[in-house]
């Protein structure tokens, strides 16, 4: 959470001032929001905006900031460097990947167990079919021999 006080100075420019295509801003925002852009901490829970630092300490370093900061509304003072956010997201994604890999291994073991049980059931089914056929033949023989 370093550097928020710098964000108020004129040493920062917004992405909009640098390269934002106004004609396509809605779809750009939607695309960014789908890839993990954080929400600021306002009661409104809006997506944070990306800005670029112009300071000598952090030249051209991108950061997220409350979307209500530059419009003069009450805001939450949310600030996070984009690279730090990406690092956190990568850790989350790696943990999610590891969980999925573990789930996949568990499912494979369960499938093998089910296949073994299915073979066992099919074996019993064949045995039952043979026994039923045998009993049926015995009943037929008994009925024929009674006559």
C-alpha atoms as a PDB file:
ATOM      1  CA  UNK A   1       0.000   0.000   0.000  1.00  0.00           C
ATOM      2  CA  UNK A   2       2.934   2.329  -0.571  1.00  0.00           C
ATOM      3  CA  UNK A   3       2.767   5.450  -2.626  1.00  0.00           C
ATOM      4  CA  UNK A   4      -0.857   6.516  -2.251  1.00  0.00           C
ATOM      5  CA  UNK A   5       0.094  10.035  -1.218  1.00  0.00           C
ATOM      6  CA  UNK A   6       2.029  10.304  -4.499  1.00  0.00           C
ATOM      7  CA  UNK A   7      -1.121   9.415  -6.418  1.00  0.00           C
ATOM      8  CA  UNK A   8      -2.682  12.762  -5.494  1.00  0.00           C
ATOM      9  CA  UNK A   9       0.135  14.727  -7.082  1.00  0.00           C
ATOM     10  CA  UNK A  10       0.432  15.566 -10.752  1.00  0.00           C
ATOM     11  CA  UNK A  11       3.211  12.993 -11.064  1.00  0.00           C
ATOM     12  CA  UNK A  12       0.658  10.399 -12.134  1.00  0.00           C
ATOM     13  CA  UNK A  13      -1.286  10.114 -15.344  1.00  0.00           C
ATOM     14  CA  UNK A  14      -4.216   7.864 -15.983  1.00  0.00           C
ATOM     15  CA  UNK A  15      -4.271   5.173 -18.632  1.00  0.00           C
ATOM     16  CA  UNK A  16      -7.084   7.167 -20.214  1.00  0.00           C
ATOM     17  CA  UNK A  17      -4.739  10.080 -20.773  1.00  0.00           C
ATOM     18  CA  UNK A  18      -2.115   7.836 -22.331  1.00  0.00           C
ATOM     19  CA  UNK A  19      -3.700   5.306 -24.657  1.00  0.00           C
ATOM     20  CA  UNK A  20      -7.338   4.731 -23.868  1.00  0.00           C
ATOM     21  CA  UNK A  21      -9.484   4.428 -26.978  1.00  0.00           C
ATOM     22  CA  UNK A  22     -12.641   6.313 -26.005  1.00  0.00           C
ATOM     23  CA  UNK A  23     -14.721   4.683 -28.742  1.00  0.00           C
ATOM     24  CA  UNK A  24     -14.051   1.234 -27.345  1.00  0.00           C
ATOM     25  CA  UNK A  25     -13.751   2.047 -23.632  1.00  0.00           C
ATOM     26  CA  UNK A  26     -16.740  -0.051 -22.535  1.00  0.00           C
ATOM     27  CA  UNK A  27     -15.430  -3.247 -24.116  1.00  0.00           C
ATOM     28  CA  UNK A  28     -11.881  -2.501 -22.891  1.00  0.00           C
ATOM     29  CA  UNK A  29     -13.151  -2.107 -19.341  1.00  0.00           C
ATOM     30  CA  UNK A  30     -15.210  -5.277 -19.628  1.00  0.00           C
ATOM     31  CA  UNK A  31     -12.183  -7.211 -20.887  1.00  0.00           C
ATOM     32  CA  UNK A  32      -9.961  -5.887 -18.099  1.00  0.00           C
ATOM     33  CA  UNK A  33     -12.589  -6.634 -15.463  1.00  0.00           C
ATOM     34  CA  UNK A  34     -12.821 -10.219 -16.655  1.00  0.00           C
ATOM     35  CA  UNK A  35      -9.106 -10.718 -15.988  1.00  0.00           C
ATOM     36  CA  UNK A  36      -8.965  -9.928 -12.305  1.00  0.00           C
ATOM     37  CA  UNK A  37      -9.028  -6.149 -12.023  1.00  0.00           C
ATOM     38  CA  UNK A  38      -9.602  -5.601  -8.323  1.00  0.00           C
ATOM     39  CA  UNK A  39     -12.597  -3.816  -6.900  1.00  0.00           C
ATOM     40  CA  UNK A  40     -11.801  -0.827  -4.774  1.00  0.00           C
ATOM     41  CA  UNK A  41     -12.985  -0.808  -1.187  1.00  0.00           C
ATOM     42  CA  UNK A  42     -15.766   1.771  -1.618  1.00  0.00           C
ATOM     43  CA  UNK A  43     -19.256   0.922  -0.551  1.00  0.00           C
ATOM     44  CA  UNK A  44     -20.004   0.977  -4.280  1.00  0.00           C
ATOM     45  CA  UNK A  45     -17.596  -1.949  -4.926  1.00  0.00           C
ATOM     46  CA  UNK A  46     -16.580  -0.502  -8.295  1.00  0.00           C
ATOM     47  CA  UNK A  47     -13.577  -1.707 -10.264  1.00  0.00           C
ATOM     48  CA  UNK A  48     -10.335   0.142  -9.589  1.00  0.00           C
ATOM     49  CA  UNK A  49      -8.858   2.174 -12.427  1.00  0.00           C
ATOM     50  CA  UNK A  50      -5.351   1.735 -13.816  1.00  0.00           C
ATOM     51  CA  UNK A  51      -2.985   4.714 -13.868  1.00  0.00           C
ATOM     52  CA  UNK A  52       0.679   5.160 -14.776  1.00  0.00           C
ATOM     53  CA  UNK A  53       3.198   6.734 -12.411  1.00  0.00           C
ATOM     54  CA  UNK A  54       5.336   9.605 -13.703  1.00  0.00           C
ATOM     55  CA  UNK A  55       7.469   9.887 -10.567  1.00  0.00           C
ATOM     56  CA  UNK A  56      11.232   9.470 -10.686  1.00  0.00           C
ATOM     57  CA  UNK A  57      10.941   6.844  -7.947  1.00  0.00           C
ATOM     58  CA  UNK A  58       8.453   4.688  -9.931  1.00  0.00           C
ATOM     59  CA  UNK A  59       8.571   5.863 -13.560  1.00  0.00           C
ATOM     60  CA  UNK A  60       5.895   4.330 -15.794  1.00  0.00           C
ATOM     61  CA  UNK A  61       4.890   1.872 -13.092  1.00  0.00           C
ATOM     62  CA  UNK A  62       1.177   1.086 -13.277  1.00  0.00           C
ATOM     63  CA  UNK A  63      -1.125   1.110 -10.283  1.00  0.00           C
ATOM     64  CA  UNK A  64      -4.777   0.627  -9.383  1.00  0.00           C
ATOM     65  CA  UNK A  65      -6.674   3.405  -7.682  1.00  0.00           C
ATOM     66  CA  UNK A  66     -10.241   3.990  -6.526  1.00  0.00           C
ATOM     67  CA  UNK A  67     -12.365   4.877  -9.540  1.00  0.00           C
ATOM     68  CA  UNK A  68     -13.916   7.789  -7.642  1.00  0.00           C
ATOM     69  CA  UNK A  69     -10.594   9.523  -6.804  1.00  0.00           C
ATOM     70  CA  UNK A  70     -10.281  11.724  -9.906  1.00  0.00           C
ATOM     71  CA  UNK A  71     -13.997  12.548 -10.170  1.00  0.00           C
ATOM     72  CA  UNK A  72     -13.995  14.355  -6.836  1.00  0.00           C
ATOM     73  CA  UNK A  73     -16.441  12.040  -5.087  1.00  0.00           C
ATOM     74  CA  UNK A  74     -15.910  10.507  -1.672  1.00  0.00           C
ATOM     75  CA  UNK A  75     -13.566   7.597  -2.247  1.00  0.00           C
ATOM     76  CA  UNK A  76     -11.878   4.779  -0.337  1.00  0.00           C
ATOM     77  CA  UNK A  77      -8.221   5.689  -1.028  1.00  0.00           C
ATOM     78  CA  UNK A  78      -7.643   2.243  -2.563  1.00  0.00           C
ATOM     79  CA  UNK A  79      -4.143   1.908  -4.044  1.00  0.00           C
ATOM     80  CA  UNK A  80      -2.196  -1.113  -5.260  1.00  0.00           C
ATOM     81  CA  UNK A  81       0.670  -1.517  -7.693  1.00  0.00           C
ATOM     82  CA  UNK A  82      -0.434  -3.589 -10.697  1.00  0.00           C
ATOM     83  CA  UNK A  83       2.672  -5.812 -10.587  1.00  0.00           C
ATOM     84  CA  UNK A  84       2.022  -6.663  -6.918  1.00  0.00           C
ATOM     85  CA  UNK A  85      -1.606  -7.462  -7.739  1.00  0.00           C
ATOM     86  CA  UNK A  86      -0.498  -9.685 -10.628  1.00  0.00           C
ATOM     87  CA  UNK A  87       1.964 -11.506  -8.344  1.00  0.00           C
ATOM     88  CA  UNK A  88      -0.864 -12.154  -5.854  1.00  0.00           C
ATOM     89  CA  UNK A  89      -3.165 -13.360  -8.651  1.00  0.00           C
ATOM     90  CA  UNK A  90      -0.429 -15.689  -9.952  1.00  0.00           C
ATOM     91  CA  UNK A  91      -0.090 -17.243  -6.497  1.00  0.00           C
ATOM     92  CA  UNK A  92      -3.888 -17.694  -6.339  1.00  0.00           C
ATOM     93  CA  UNK A  93      -3.950 -19.229  -9.817  1.00  0.00           C
ATOM     94  CA  UNK A  94      -1.065 -21.584  -8.983  1.00  0.00           C
ATOM     95  CA  UNK A  95      -2.887 -22.715  -5.832  1.00  0.00           C
ATOM     96  CA  UNK A  96      -6.035 -23.240  -7.895  1.00  0.00           C
ATOM     97  CA  UNK A  97      -4.062 -25.236 -10.465  1.00  0.00           C
ATOM     98  CA  UNK A  98      -2.575 -27.429  -7.729  1.00  0.00           C
ATOM     99  CA  UNK A  99      -6.050 -28.010  -6.280  1.00  0.00           C
ATOM    100  CA  UNK A 100      -7.357 -29.001  -9.714  1.00  0.00           C
ATOM    101  CA  UNK A 101      -4.425 -31.370 -10.225  1.00  0.00           C
ATOM    102  CA  UNK A 102      -5.122 -32.982  -6.842  1.00  0.00           C
ATOM    103  CA  UNK A 103      -8.825 -33.254  -7.676  1.00  0.00           C
ATOM    104  CA  UNK A 104      -7.914 -34.854 -11.011  1.00  0.00           C
ATOM    105  CA  UNK A 105      -5.726 -37.438  -9.261  1.00  0.00           C
ATOM    106  CA  UNK A 106      -8.502 -38.232  -6.782  1.00  0.00           C
ATOM    107  CA  UNK A 107     -11.029 -38.593  -9.614  1.00  0.00           C
ATOM    108  CA  UNK A 108      -8.664 -40.917 -11.531  1.00  0.00           C
ATOM    109  CA  UNK A 109      -8.258 -43.130  -8.446  1.00  0.00           C
ATOM    110  CA  UNK A 110     -12.033 -43.162  -7.952  1.00  0.00           C
ATOM    111  CA  UNK A 111     -12.561 -44.084 -11.620  1.00  0.00           C
ATOM    112  CA  UNK A 112     -10.093 -46.984 -11.372  1.00  0.00           C
ATOM    113  CA  UNK A 113     -11.843 -48.171  -8.220  1.00  0.00           C
ATOM    114  CA  UNK A 114     -15.209 -47.930  -9.975  1.00  0.00           C
ATOM    115  CA  UNK A 115     -13.849 -49.853 -12.975  1.00  0.00           C
ATOM    116  CA  UNK A 116     -12.642 -52.640 -10.676  1.00  0.00           C
ATOM    117  CA  UNK A 117     -16.040 -52.736  -8.959  1.00  0.00           C
ATOM    118  CA  UNK A 118     -17.796 -52.695 -12.337  1.00  0.00           C
ATOM    119  CA  UNK A 119     -15.741 -55.687 -13.520  1.00  0.00           C
ATOM    120  CA  UNK A 120     -16.611 -57.448 -10.277  1.00  0.00           C
ATOM    121  CA  UNK A 121     -20.309 -56.675 -10.774  1.00  0.00           C
ATOM    122  CA  UNK A 122     -20.171 -57.860 -14.395  1.00  0.00           C
ATOM    123  CA  UNK A 123     -18.549 -61.096 -13.195  1.00  0.00           C
ATOM    124  CA  UNK A 124     -21.361 -61.599 -10.676  1.00  0.00           C
ATOM    125  CA  UNK A 125     -23.909 -60.772 -13.382  1.00  0.00           C
ATOM    126  CA  UNK A 126     -22.483 -63.514 -15.624  1.00  0.00           C
ATOM    127  CA  UNK A 127     -22.506 -65.977 -12.731  1.00  0.00           C
ATOM    128  CA  UNK A 128     -26.115 -65.078 -11.885  1.00  0.00           C
ATOM    129  CA  UNK A 129     -27.137 -65.483 -15.526  1.00  0.00           C
ATOM    130  CA  UNK A 130     -25.538 -68.946 -15.653  1.00  0.00           C
ATOM    131  CA  UNK A 131     -27.221 -69.892 -12.355  1.00  0.00           C
ATOM    132  CA  UNK A 132     -30.636 -68.669 -13.592  1.00  0.00           C
ATOM    133  CA  UNK A 133     -30.199 -70.576 -16.848  1.00  0.00           C
ATOM    134  CA  UNK A 134     -29.177 -73.668 -14.869  1.00  0.00           C
ATOM    135  CA  UNK A 135     -32.207 -73.355 -12.550  1.00  0.00           C
ATOM    136  CA  UNK A 136     -34.467 -72.788 -15.565  1.00  0.00           C
ATOM    137  CA  UNK A 137     -33.122 -75.940 -17.246  1.00  0.00           C
ATOM    138  CA  UNK A 138     -33.616 -77.928 -13.996  1.00  0.00           C
ATOM    139  CA  UNK A 139     -37.203 -76.641 -13.688  1.00  0.00           C
ATOM    140  CA  UNK A 140     -37.936 -77.559 -17.313  1.00  0.00           C
ATOM    141  CA  UNK A 141     -36.414 -81.029 -16.836  1.00  0.00           C
ATOM    142  CA  UNK A 142     -38.449 -81.489 -13.649  1.00  0.00           C
ATOM    143  CA  UNK A 143     -41.648 -80.433 -15.416  1.00  0.00           C
ATOM    144  CA  UNK A 144     -40.956 -82.715 -18.387  1.00  0.00           C
ATOM    145  CA  UNK A 145     -40.066 -85.677 -16.170  1.00  0.00           C
ATOM    146  CA  UNK A 146     -43.349 -85.316 -14.192  1.00  0.00           C
ATOM    147  CA  UNK A 147     -45.414 -85.946 -17.247  1.00  0.00           C
END
